[in-house]
Amino acid sequence: MPRHGRSVVERNRLRRRLREFARRRLLPRLAPIDLVIRSRQAAYGSDFPELATDLDLWALSLSG
């Protein structure tokens, strides 16, 4: 998780949000793979629905 000048609390909150999204919605759709999600600075200001929408669109682009 890149720091981007953020506190530990903010980084952990973002990490938990991304992990929960992957566990619920992303991994069940994909074949068994090792997945690395690297956040950008804008992700720290996003709420869970915004992150979910962005990651859903990304997952759709993978499935072709």
Protein backbone atom coordinates (compact mmCIF):
# COMPACT_ATOMS: atom_id res chain seq x y z
CA MET A 1 0.00 0.00 0.00
CA PRO A 2 1.71 3.21 -1.13
CA ARG A 3 1.94 5.86 1.56
CA HIS A 4 1.12 8.96 -0.52
CA GLY A 5 1.71 11.00 2.66
CA ARG A 6 -1.21 9.34 4.46
CA SER A 7 -1.43 8.12 8.03
CA VAL A 8 -1.34 4.48 9.06
CA VAL A 9 -5.04 4.65 9.91
CA GLU A 10 -5.94 5.88 6.42
CA ARG A 11 -3.76 3.25 4.72
CA ASN A 12 -5.26 0.46 6.81
CA ARG A 13 -8.82 1.67 6.12
CA LEU A 14 -8.16 1.62 2.38
CA ARG A 15 -6.48 -1.79 2.62
CA ARG A 16 -9.50 -3.22 4.48
CA ARG A 17 -11.92 -1.79 1.92
CA LEU A 18 -9.99 -3.21 -1.02
CA ARG A 19 -9.56 -6.61 0.65
CA GLU A 20 -13.28 -6.84 1.46
CA PHE A 21 -14.25 -5.92 -2.08
CA ALA A 22 -11.90 -8.53 -3.51
CA ARG A 23 -13.18 -11.20 -1.12
CA ARG A 24 -16.86 -10.55 -1.85
CA ARG A 25 -17.04 -9.54 -5.48
CA LEU A 26 -13.79 -9.90 -7.37
CA LEU A 27 -12.24 -13.27 -6.47
CA PRO A 28 -15.43 -15.33 -6.96
CA ARG A 29 -15.55 -14.11 -10.59
CA LEU A 30 -11.93 -14.83 -11.45
CA ALA A 31 -10.01 -18.03 -11.95
CA PRO A 32 -7.63 -18.88 -9.09
CA ILE A 33 -4.84 -16.32 -9.41
CA ASP A 34 -2.53 -14.23 -7.27
CA LEU A 35 -3.91 -10.72 -7.37
CA VAL A 36 -2.09 -7.50 -6.51
CA ILE A 37 -4.05 -4.26 -6.36
CA ARG A 38 -1.95 -1.12 -6.10
CA SER A 39 -3.89 1.93 -5.05
CA ARG A 40 -3.48 5.42 -6.37
CA GLN A 41 -3.57 8.57 -4.30
CA ALA A 42 -7.16 9.35 -5.36
CA ALA A 43 -8.35 6.08 -3.79
CA TYR A 44 -7.86 7.52 -0.30
CA GLY A 45 -10.64 10.04 -0.92
CA SER A 46 -13.05 7.54 -2.42
CA ASP A 47 -15.81 5.86 -0.48
CA PHE A 48 -16.54 2.14 -0.74
CA PRO A 49 -19.20 2.40 -3.53
CA GLU A 50 -16.81 4.45 -5.70
CA LEU A 51 -13.99 1.95 -5.20
CA ALA A 52 -16.37 -0.92 -5.93
CA THR A 53 -17.55 0.67 -9.18
CA ASP A 54 -13.98 1.27 -10.37
CA LEU A 55 -12.90 -2.27 -9.52
CA ASP A 56 -16.03 -3.78 -11.11
CA LEU A 57 -15.22 -1.99 -14.36
CA TRP A 58 -11.63 -3.22 -14.15
CA ALA A 59 -12.80 -6.80 -13.55
CA LEU A 60 -15.12 -6.61 -16.56
CA SER A 61 -12.21 -5.52 -18.74
CA LEU A 62 -10.30 -8.65 -17.66
CA SER A 63 -13.09 -11.00 -18.64
CA GLY A 64 -13.08 -9.63 -22.14
